[in-house]
């Protein structure tokens, strides 16, 4: 391994510099149901506004990597990768999940798939780790493109909660199409218990999605199982990872 990922500041830096002032408008968000982030000043959806500023994009990407890395390491260590060879990480951002999986499992190759603005950051990350021959960075829009790249394992690390229900279901259908028979989808999220009582961090993240997005929300195990079954998946199971995070795994 040639180096380690460059996560300066992490989540606390981003929370202080960006999200703190948005939460000051929580009351307005609860009353109106509308986002309280950059869209109020720019008219743009939050991610679009972030992607226009390379420094803000770097900060956001590093923050997401730092807050997710514990769950990603747990997934790389605990999930059974032996039936798989090629992993597609949808919304791969800085290629953190692909990098960790391929470092832990020499037989695995990875595709980190996200918008073109993320490609330089992802390429830098895999170069630091010496993974250029095993992790491919592909650019695309997973909503706009007709299909996802093919793989026998599709992962989504903290992606689904950002979108409304039709978008969630669309991504699950696209994942199903990208997989061969016997392939698996692994969704890493702050998944809620069905009674919506125990995962406090997941519930707070769902409130954060009210502030940050049009229709994004965290979901329960029963929610995911229903959507996965509707998309065509045959079996669903849940595996705890780190802290309040778990993996929802669906087999085609």
C-alpha atoms as a PDB file:
ATOM      1  CA  UNK A   1       0.000   0.000   0.000  1.00  0.00           C
ATOM      2  CA  UNK A   2       1.558   3.288  -1.105  1.00  0.00           C
ATOM      3  CA  UNK A   3      -0.279   5.639   1.193  1.00  0.00           C
ATOM      4  CA  UNK A   4      -3.526   6.365   2.913  1.00  0.00           C
ATOM      5  CA  UNK A   5      -6.609   8.378   1.938  1.00  0.00           C
ATOM      6  CA  UNK A   6      -6.374  12.112   2.531  1.00  0.00           C
ATOM      7  CA  UNK A   7      -9.278  13.036   4.843  1.00  0.00           C
ATOM      8  CA  UNK A   8      -8.506  16.454   6.330  1.00  0.00           C
ATOM      9  CA  UNK A   9     -11.154  17.989   8.542  1.00  0.00           C
ATOM     10  CA  UNK A  10     -13.721  15.289   7.984  1.00  0.00           C
ATOM     11  CA  UNK A  11     -17.348  15.474   8.906  1.00  0.00           C
ATOM     12  CA  UNK A  12     -17.013  18.012  11.743  1.00  0.00           C
ATOM     13  CA  UNK A  13     -15.371  20.535   9.431  1.00  0.00           C
ATOM     14  CA  UNK A  14     -18.203  20.250   6.926  1.00  0.00           C
ATOM     15  CA  UNK A  15     -20.869  20.343   9.639  1.00  0.00           C
ATOM     16  CA  UNK A  16     -19.376  23.537  11.035  1.00  0.00           C
ATOM     17  CA  UNK A  17     -18.754  25.258   7.703  1.00  0.00           C
ATOM     18  CA  UNK A  18     -21.910  24.207   5.876  1.00  0.00           C
ATOM     19  CA  UNK A  19     -24.673  22.339   7.672  1.00  0.00           C
ATOM     20  CA  UNK A  20     -24.834  24.260  10.952  1.00  0.00           C
ATOM     21  CA  UNK A  21     -26.580  27.284   9.427  1.00  0.00           C
ATOM     22  CA  UNK A  22     -29.054  25.092   7.516  1.00  0.00           C
ATOM     23  CA  UNK A  23     -30.256  23.437  10.727  1.00  0.00           C
ATOM     24  CA  UNK A  24     -31.050  26.919  12.058  1.00  0.00           C
ATOM     25  CA  UNK A  25     -33.964  26.840   9.594  1.00  0.00           C
ATOM     26  CA  UNK A  26     -35.272  23.465  10.784  1.00  0.00           C
ATOM     27  CA  UNK A  27     -38.585  24.990  11.879  1.00  0.00           C
ATOM     28  CA  UNK A  28     -39.199  26.354   8.389  1.00  0.00           C
ATOM     29  CA  UNK A  29     -38.287  22.978   6.885  1.00  0.00           C
ATOM     30  CA  UNK A  30     -40.707  21.134   9.144  1.00  0.00           C
ATOM     31  CA  UNK A  31     -43.456  23.639   8.404  1.00  0.00           C
ATOM     32  CA  UNK A  32     -43.006  23.758   4.612  1.00  0.00           C
ATOM     33  CA  UNK A  33     -41.425  20.393   3.787  1.00  0.00           C
ATOM     34  CA  UNK A  34     -38.878  22.221   1.610  1.00  0.00           C
ATOM     35  CA  UNK A  35     -35.059  21.968   1.693  1.00  0.00           C
ATOM     36  CA  UNK A  36     -33.183  24.586   3.706  1.00  0.00           C
ATOM     37  CA  UNK A  37     -29.759  24.364   2.056  1.00  0.00           C
ATOM     38  CA  UNK A  38     -28.065  26.099  -0.905  1.00  0.00           C
ATOM     39  CA  UNK A  39     -31.239  25.886  -2.971  1.00  0.00           C
ATOM     40  CA  UNK A  40     -32.695  28.861  -1.085  1.00  0.00           C
ATOM     41  CA  UNK A  41     -29.923  31.163  -2.342  1.00  0.00           C
ATOM     42  CA  UNK A  42     -28.954  29.565  -5.651  1.00  0.00           C
ATOM     43  CA  UNK A  43     -32.087  27.803  -6.859  1.00  0.00           C
ATOM     44  CA  UNK A  44     -29.927  24.702  -7.353  1.00  0.00           C
ATOM     45  CA  UNK A  45     -30.237  21.317  -5.696  1.00  0.00           C
ATOM     46  CA  UNK A  46     -27.586  21.020  -2.964  1.00  0.00           C
ATOM     47  CA  UNK A  47     -25.259  18.571  -4.702  1.00  0.00           C
ATOM     48  CA  UNK A  48     -25.276  20.651  -7.905  1.00  0.00           C
ATOM     49  CA  UNK A  49     -24.201  23.729  -5.949  1.00  0.00           C
ATOM     50  CA  UNK A  50     -21.440  21.791  -4.185  1.00  0.00           C
ATOM     51  CA  UNK A  51     -20.107  20.268  -7.412  1.00  0.00           C
ATOM     52  CA  UNK A  52     -19.578  23.705  -8.954  1.00  0.00           C
ATOM     53  CA  UNK A  53     -16.947  24.588  -6.326  1.00  0.00           C
ATOM     54  CA  UNK A  54     -13.930  22.220  -6.367  1.00  0.00           C
ATOM     55  CA  UNK A  55     -12.876  23.110  -2.811  1.00  0.00           C
ATOM     56  CA  UNK A  56     -16.356  22.585  -1.381  1.00  0.00           C
ATOM     57  CA  UNK A  57     -16.600  19.318  -3.306  1.00  0.00           C
ATOM     58  CA  UNK A  58     -13.276  18.157  -1.841  1.00  0.00           C
ATOM     59  CA  UNK A  59     -14.461  19.038   1.659  1.00  0.00           C
ATOM     60  CA  UNK A  60     -17.804  17.284   1.166  1.00  0.00           C
ATOM     61  CA  UNK A  61     -16.185  14.146  -0.275  1.00  0.00           C
ATOM     62  CA  UNK A  62     -13.642  13.911   2.539  1.00  0.00           C
ATOM     63  CA  UNK A  63     -16.375  14.454   5.115  1.00  0.00           C
ATOM     64  CA  UNK A  64     -18.529  11.675   3.693  1.00  0.00           C
ATOM     65  CA  UNK A  65     -15.547   9.324   3.567  1.00  0.00           C
ATOM     66  CA  UNK A  66     -14.548  10.070   7.164  1.00  0.00           C
ATOM     67  CA  UNK A  67     -18.025   9.537   8.610  1.00  0.00           C
ATOM     68  CA  UNK A  68     -18.609   6.332   6.618  1.00  0.00           C
ATOM     69  CA  UNK A  69     -15.232   4.640   6.869  1.00  0.00           C
ATOM     70  CA  UNK A  70     -16.006   2.616  10.012  1.00  0.00           C
ATOM     71  CA  UNK A  71     -19.025   0.979   8.380  1.00  0.00           C
ATOM     72  CA  UNK A  72     -17.138   0.493   5.117  1.00  0.00           C
ATOM     73  CA  UNK A  73     -14.249  -1.253   6.893  1.00  0.00           C
ATOM     74  CA  UNK A  74     -16.719  -3.492   8.733  1.00  0.00           C
ATOM     75  CA  UNK A  75     -18.404  -4.367   5.448  1.00  0.00           C
ATOM     76  CA  UNK A  76     -15.051  -5.161   3.801  1.00  0.00           C
ATOM     77  CA  UNK A  77     -14.142  -7.434   6.731  1.00  0.00           C
ATOM     78  CA  UNK A  78     -17.468  -9.231   7.341  1.00  0.00           C
ATOM     79  CA  UNK A  79     -19.247  -9.620   4.017  1.00  0.00           C
ATOM     80  CA  UNK A  80     -18.656 -12.867   2.113  1.00  0.00           C
ATOM     81  CA  UNK A  81     -16.941 -11.781  -1.096  1.00  0.00           C
ATOM     82  CA  UNK A  82     -15.928 -15.319  -2.126  1.00  0.00           C
ATOM     83  CA  UNK A  83     -18.766 -15.720  -4.692  1.00  0.00           C
ATOM     84  CA  UNK A  84     -17.898 -12.381  -6.318  1.00  0.00           C
ATOM     85  CA  UNK A  85     -15.200 -10.976  -8.552  1.00  0.00           C
ATOM     86  CA  UNK A  86     -16.377  -7.558  -9.740  1.00  0.00           C
ATOM     87  CA  UNK A  87     -18.001  -4.928  -7.527  1.00  0.00           C
ATOM     88  CA  UNK A  88     -19.845  -1.858  -8.798  1.00  0.00           C
ATOM     89  CA  UNK A  89     -20.149   0.922  -6.209  1.00  0.00           C
ATOM     90  CA  UNK A  90     -22.996   3.195  -7.296  1.00  0.00           C
ATOM     91  CA  UNK A  91     -22.359   6.738  -6.086  1.00  0.00           C
ATOM     92  CA  UNK A  92     -18.777   5.797  -5.287  1.00  0.00           C
ATOM     93  CA  UNK A  93     -17.667   9.390  -4.597  1.00  0.00           C
ATOM     94  CA  UNK A  94     -13.954   9.250  -3.667  1.00  0.00           C
ATOM     95  CA  UNK A  95     -13.719   5.469  -4.284  1.00  0.00           C
ATOM     96  CA  UNK A  96     -13.392   4.739  -0.562  1.00  0.00           C
ATOM     97  CA  UNK A  97     -15.585   1.634  -0.497  1.00  0.00           C
ATOM     98  CA  UNK A  98     -14.038   0.105  -3.622  1.00  0.00           C
ATOM     99  CA  UNK A  99     -10.575   0.791  -2.250  1.00  0.00           C
ATOM    100  CA  UNK A 100     -11.263  -0.869   1.104  1.00  0.00           C
ATOM    101  CA  UNK A 101     -12.864  -3.943  -0.444  1.00  0.00           C
ATOM    102  CA  UNK A 102     -10.073  -4.514  -2.937  1.00  0.00           C
ATOM    103  CA  UNK A 103      -7.402  -3.971  -0.270  1.00  0.00           C
ATOM    104  CA  UNK A 104      -9.026  -6.608   1.951  1.00  0.00           C
ATOM    105  CA  UNK A 105      -9.777  -9.084  -0.864  1.00  0.00           C
ATOM    106  CA  UNK A 106      -7.047  -9.515  -3.490  1.00  0.00           C
ATOM    107  CA  UNK A 107      -9.351 -11.431  -5.856  1.00  0.00           C
ATOM    108  CA  UNK A 108     -11.794  -8.511  -6.111  1.00  0.00           C
ATOM    109  CA  UNK A 109     -11.894  -5.781  -8.722  1.00  0.00           C
ATOM    110  CA  UNK A 110     -14.006  -2.655  -8.379  1.00  0.00           C
ATOM    111  CA  UNK A 111     -15.771   0.006 -10.408  1.00  0.00           C
ATOM    112  CA  UNK A 112     -16.445   3.276  -8.591  1.00  0.00           C
ATOM    113  CA  UNK A 113     -19.272   4.990 -10.457  1.00  0.00           C
ATOM    114  CA  UNK A 114     -20.299   8.603  -9.916  1.00  0.00           C
ATOM    115  CA  UNK A 115     -20.651  11.989 -11.618  1.00  0.00           C
ATOM    116  CA  UNK A 116     -17.714  13.338 -13.678  1.00  0.00           C
ATOM    117  CA  UNK A 117     -16.894  15.998 -11.070  1.00  0.00           C
ATOM    118  CA  UNK A 118     -15.865  13.233  -8.627  1.00  0.00           C
ATOM    119  CA  UNK A 119     -13.466  11.496 -11.005  1.00  0.00           C
ATOM    120  CA  UNK A 120     -10.291  13.531 -10.190  1.00  0.00           C
ATOM    121  CA  UNK A 121     -10.756  12.967  -6.438  1.00  0.00           C
ATOM    122  CA  UNK A 122     -11.395   9.258  -6.924  1.00  0.00           C
ATOM    123  CA  UNK A 123      -8.401   8.856  -9.230  1.00  0.00           C
ATOM    124  CA  UNK A 124      -6.186  10.589  -6.680  1.00  0.00           C
ATOM    125  CA  UNK A 125      -7.418   8.283  -3.914  1.00  0.00           C
ATOM    126  CA  UNK A 126      -6.782   5.037  -5.770  1.00  0.00           C
ATOM    127  CA  UNK A 127      -3.365   6.297  -6.931  1.00  0.00           C
ATOM    128  CA  UNK A 128      -2.377   6.957  -3.296  1.00  0.00           C
ATOM    129  CA  UNK A 129      -3.265   3.358  -2.504  1.00  0.00           C
ATOM    130  CA  UNK A 130      -1.672   1.824  -5.600  1.00  0.00           C
ATOM    131  CA  UNK A 131      -4.984   0.394  -6.808  1.00  0.00           C
ATOM    132  CA  UNK A 132      -5.069   1.775 -10.348  1.00  0.00           C
ATOM    133  CA  UNK A 133      -4.984  -1.726 -11.864  1.00  0.00           C
ATOM    134  CA  UNK A 134      -7.831  -3.047  -9.706  1.00  0.00           C
ATOM    135  CA  UNK A 135     -10.251  -0.136  -9.253  1.00  0.00           C
ATOM    136  CA  UNK A 136     -11.723   1.547 -12.308  1.00  0.00           C
ATOM    137  CA  UNK A 137     -13.288   4.986 -12.092  1.00  0.00           C
ATOM    138  CA  UNK A 138     -16.305   5.376 -14.366  1.00  0.00           C
ATOM    139  CA  UNK A 139     -18.250   8.601 -14.734  1.00  0.00           C
ATOM    140  CA  UNK A 140     -21.972   8.795 -15.328  1.00  0.00           C
ATOM    141  CA  UNK A 141     -25.337   9.837 -13.938  1.00  0.00           C
ATOM    142  CA  UNK A 142     -27.077   6.819 -12.435  1.00  0.00           C
ATOM    143  CA  UNK A 143     -30.482   8.406 -12.975  1.00  0.00           C
ATOM    144  CA  UNK A 144     -29.921   9.728 -16.499  1.00  0.00           C
ATOM    145  CA  UNK A 145     -28.068   6.714 -17.920  1.00  0.00           C
ATOM    146  CA  UNK A 146     -30.257   3.932 -19.264  1.00  0.00           C
ATOM    147  CA  UNK A 147     -28.361   1.221 -17.379  1.00  0.00           C
ATOM    148  CA  UNK A 148     -25.654   0.745 -14.778  1.00  0.00           C
ATOM    149  CA  UNK A 149     -22.366  -1.013 -15.598  1.00  0.00           C
ATOM    150  CA  UNK A 150     -22.553  -4.787 -15.176  1.00  0.00           C
ATOM    151  CA  UNK A 151     -21.101  -6.457 -12.071  1.00  0.00           C
ATOM    152  CA  UNK A 152     -21.796  -9.481  -9.878  1.00  0.00           C
ATOM    153  CA  UNK A 153     -21.939  -7.344  -6.718  1.00  0.00           C
ATOM    154  CA  UNK A 154     -23.563  -3.892  -6.639  1.00  0.00           C
ATOM    155  CA  UNK A 155     -23.062  -1.672  -3.597  1.00  0.00           C
ATOM    156  CA  UNK A 156     -24.647   1.621  -2.573  1.00  0.00           C
ATOM    157  CA  UNK A 157     -22.982   3.273   0.403  1.00  0.00           C
ATOM    158  CA  UNK A 158     -25.301   5.841   1.994  1.00  0.00           C
ATOM    159  CA  UNK A 159     -26.909   6.724  -1.330  1.00  0.00           C
ATOM    160  CA  UNK A 160     -30.551   5.666  -1.145  1.00  0.00           C
ATOM    161  CA  UNK A 161     -31.497   7.902   1.792  1.00  0.00           C
ATOM    162  CA  UNK A 162     -30.795  11.019  -0.299  1.00  0.00           C
ATOM    163  CA  UNK A 163     -33.687  10.436  -2.707  1.00  0.00           C
ATOM    164  CA  UNK A 164     -37.473  10.222  -2.777  1.00  0.00           C
ATOM    165  CA  UNK A 165     -39.338   6.927  -3.029  1.00  0.00           C
ATOM    166  CA  UNK A 166     -39.648   6.735  -6.854  1.00  0.00           C
ATOM    167  CA  UNK A 167     -35.906   7.397  -7.178  1.00  0.00           C
ATOM    168  CA  UNK A 168     -35.075   4.757  -4.571  1.00  0.00           C
ATOM    169  CA  UNK A 169     -37.162   2.188  -6.436  1.00  0.00           C
ATOM    170  CA  UNK A 170     -35.572   3.165  -9.767  1.00  0.00           C
ATOM    171  CA  UNK A 171     -32.068   2.578  -8.394  1.00  0.00           C
ATOM    172  CA  UNK A 172     -33.057  -0.837  -7.049  1.00  0.00           C
ATOM    173  CA  UNK A 173     -34.480  -1.818 -10.445  1.00  0.00           C
ATOM    174  CA  UNK A 174     -31.298  -0.654 -12.185  1.00  0.00           C
ATOM    175  CA  UNK A 175     -29.170  -2.619  -9.721  1.00  0.00           C
ATOM    176  CA  UNK A 176     -31.265  -5.719 -10.376  1.00  0.00           C
ATOM    177  CA  UNK A 177     -30.744  -5.355 -14.144  1.00  0.00           C
ATOM    178  CA  UNK A 178     -26.969  -4.878 -13.723  1.00  0.00           C
ATOM    179  CA  UNK A 179     -26.594  -8.156 -11.803  1.00  0.00           C
ATOM    180  CA  UNK A 180     -26.421 -11.740 -13.095  1.00  0.00           C
ATOM    181  CA  UNK A 181     -28.521 -14.496 -11.541  1.00  0.00           C
ATOM    182  CA  UNK A 182     -27.088 -15.130  -8.082  1.00  0.00           C
ATOM    183  CA  UNK A 183     -25.577 -11.644  -7.922  1.00  0.00           C
ATOM    184  CA  UNK A 184     -26.094  -9.477  -4.857  1.00  0.00           C
ATOM    185  CA  UNK A 185     -26.956  -5.889  -3.999  1.00  0.00           C
ATOM    186  CA  UNK A 186     -25.557  -4.534  -0.721  1.00  0.00           C
ATOM    187  CA  UNK A 187     -26.982  -1.251   0.555  1.00  0.00           C
ATOM    188  CA  UNK A 188     -25.050   0.311   3.461  1.00  0.00           C
ATOM    189  CA  UNK A 189     -27.225   2.743   5.405  1.00  0.00           C
ATOM    190  CA  UNK A 190     -28.492   3.920   8.781  1.00  0.00           C
ATOM    191  CA  UNK A 191     -31.381   1.494   8.394  1.00  0.00           C
ATOM    192  CA  UNK A 192     -34.208   1.984  10.883  1.00  0.00           C
ATOM    193  CA  UNK A 193     -35.852  -0.687  12.992  1.00  0.00           C
ATOM    194  CA  UNK A 194     -39.419  -1.378  11.908  1.00  0.00           C
ATOM    195  CA  UNK A 195     -40.808   0.340  15.017  1.00  0.00           C
ATOM    196  CA  UNK A 196     -38.678   3.443  14.256  1.00  0.00           C
ATOM    197  CA  UNK A 197     -37.596   3.689  17.912  1.00  0.00           C
ATOM    198  CA  UNK A 198     -33.998   2.494  18.352  1.00  0.00           C
ATOM    199  CA  UNK A 199     -31.757   3.998  15.655  1.00  0.00           C
ATOM    200  CA  UNK A 200     -31.594   7.603  16.847  1.00  0.00           C
ATOM    201  CA  UNK A 201     -28.830   8.527  14.388  1.00  0.00           C
ATOM    202  CA  UNK A 202     -30.868   7.137  11.511  1.00  0.00           C
ATOM    203  CA  UNK A 203     -33.923   9.140  12.573  1.00  0.00           C
ATOM    204  CA  UNK A 204     -31.852  12.320  12.841  1.00  0.00           C
ATOM    205  CA  UNK A 205     -30.383  11.663   9.397  1.00  0.00           C
ATOM    206  CA  UNK A 206     -33.904  11.412   8.043  1.00  0.00           C
ATOM    207  CA  UNK A 207     -34.596  14.909   9.442  1.00  0.00           C
ATOM    208  CA  UNK A 208     -31.328  16.056   7.851  1.00  0.00           C
ATOM    209  CA  UNK A 209     -32.601  14.788   4.496  1.00  0.00           C
ATOM    210  CA  UNK A 210     -35.641  17.032   4.923  1.00  0.00           C
ATOM    211  CA  UNK A 211     -33.227  19.965   5.146  1.00  0.00           C
ATOM    212  CA  UNK A 212     -30.925  18.725   2.376  1.00  0.00           C
ATOM    213  CA  UNK A 213     -33.172  17.203  -0.296  1.00  0.00           C
ATOM    214  CA  UNK A 214     -36.499  17.062  -2.073  1.00  0.00           C
ATOM    215  CA  UNK A 215     -38.056  13.929  -0.613  1.00  0.00           C
ATOM    216  CA  UNK A 216     -35.028  12.096   0.812  1.00  0.00           C
ATOM    217  CA  UNK A 217     -35.566   9.941   3.902  1.00  0.00           C
ATOM    218  CA  UNK A 218     -34.154   7.034   5.879  1.00  0.00           C
ATOM    219  CA  UNK A 219     -36.076   3.768   5.787  1.00  0.00           C
ATOM    220  CA  UNK A 220     -36.858   0.657   7.798  1.00  0.00           C
ATOM    221  CA  UNK A 221     -35.879  -2.952   7.183  1.00  0.00           C
ATOM    222  CA  UNK A 222     -39.476  -3.703   6.143  1.00  0.00           C
ATOM    223  CA  UNK A 223     -39.416  -0.774   3.688  1.00  0.00           C
ATOM    224  CA  UNK A 224     -36.282  -2.061   1.995  1.00  0.00           C
ATOM    225  CA  UNK A 225     -37.464  -5.657   1.879  1.00  0.00           C
ATOM    226  CA  UNK A 226     -40.682  -4.573   0.191  1.00  0.00           C
ATOM    227  CA  UNK A 227     -38.913  -2.442  -2.416  1.00  0.00           C
ATOM    228  CA  UNK A 228     -36.307  -5.138  -3.150  1.00  0.00           C
ATOM    229  CA  UNK A 229     -38.995  -7.775  -3.595  1.00  0.00           C
ATOM    230  CA  UNK A 230     -40.899  -5.448  -5.903  1.00  0.00           C
ATOM    231  CA  UNK A 231     -37.723  -4.984  -7.976  1.00  0.00           C
ATOM    232  CA  UNK A 232     -37.426  -8.764  -8.406  1.00  0.00           C
ATOM    233  CA  UNK A 233     -34.883  -9.792  -5.768  1.00  0.00           C
ATOM    234  CA  UNK A 234     -35.466 -13.228  -4.242  1.00  0.00           C
ATOM    235  CA  UNK A 235     -33.933 -13.013  -0.777  1.00  0.00           C
ATOM    236  CA  UNK A 236     -33.137 -10.162   1.602  1.00  0.00           C
ATOM    237  CA  UNK A 237     -31.071 -10.208   4.795  1.00  0.00           C
ATOM    238  CA  UNK A 238     -29.601  -7.573   7.121  1.00  0.00           C
ATOM    239  CA  UNK A 239     -26.145  -7.527   8.691  1.00  0.00           C
ATOM    240  CA  UNK A 240     -25.009  -5.074  11.409  1.00  0.00           C
ATOM    241  CA  UNK A 241     -21.829  -3.156  10.623  1.00  0.00           C
ATOM    242  CA  UNK A 242     -20.425  -0.318  12.764  1.00  0.00           C
ATOM    243  CA  UNK A 243     -22.482   1.659  15.252  1.00  0.00           C
ATOM    244  CA  UNK A 244     -25.966   2.452  13.893  1.00  0.00           C
ATOM    245  CA  UNK A 245     -25.069   1.365  10.343  1.00  0.00           C
ATOM    246  CA  UNK A 246     -26.048  -1.932   8.748  1.00  0.00           C
ATOM    247  CA  UNK A 247     -26.079  -3.589   5.336  1.00  0.00           C
ATOM    248  CA  UNK A 248     -29.252  -4.626   3.541  1.00  0.00           C
ATOM    249  CA  UNK A 249     -28.323  -7.446   1.169  1.00  0.00           C
ATOM    250  CA  UNK A 250     -30.595  -8.634  -1.628  1.00  0.00           C
ATOM    251  CA  UNK A 251     -29.873 -11.608  -3.901  1.00  0.00           C
ATOM    252  CA  UNK A 252     -31.018 -11.895  -7.514  1.00  0.00           C
END
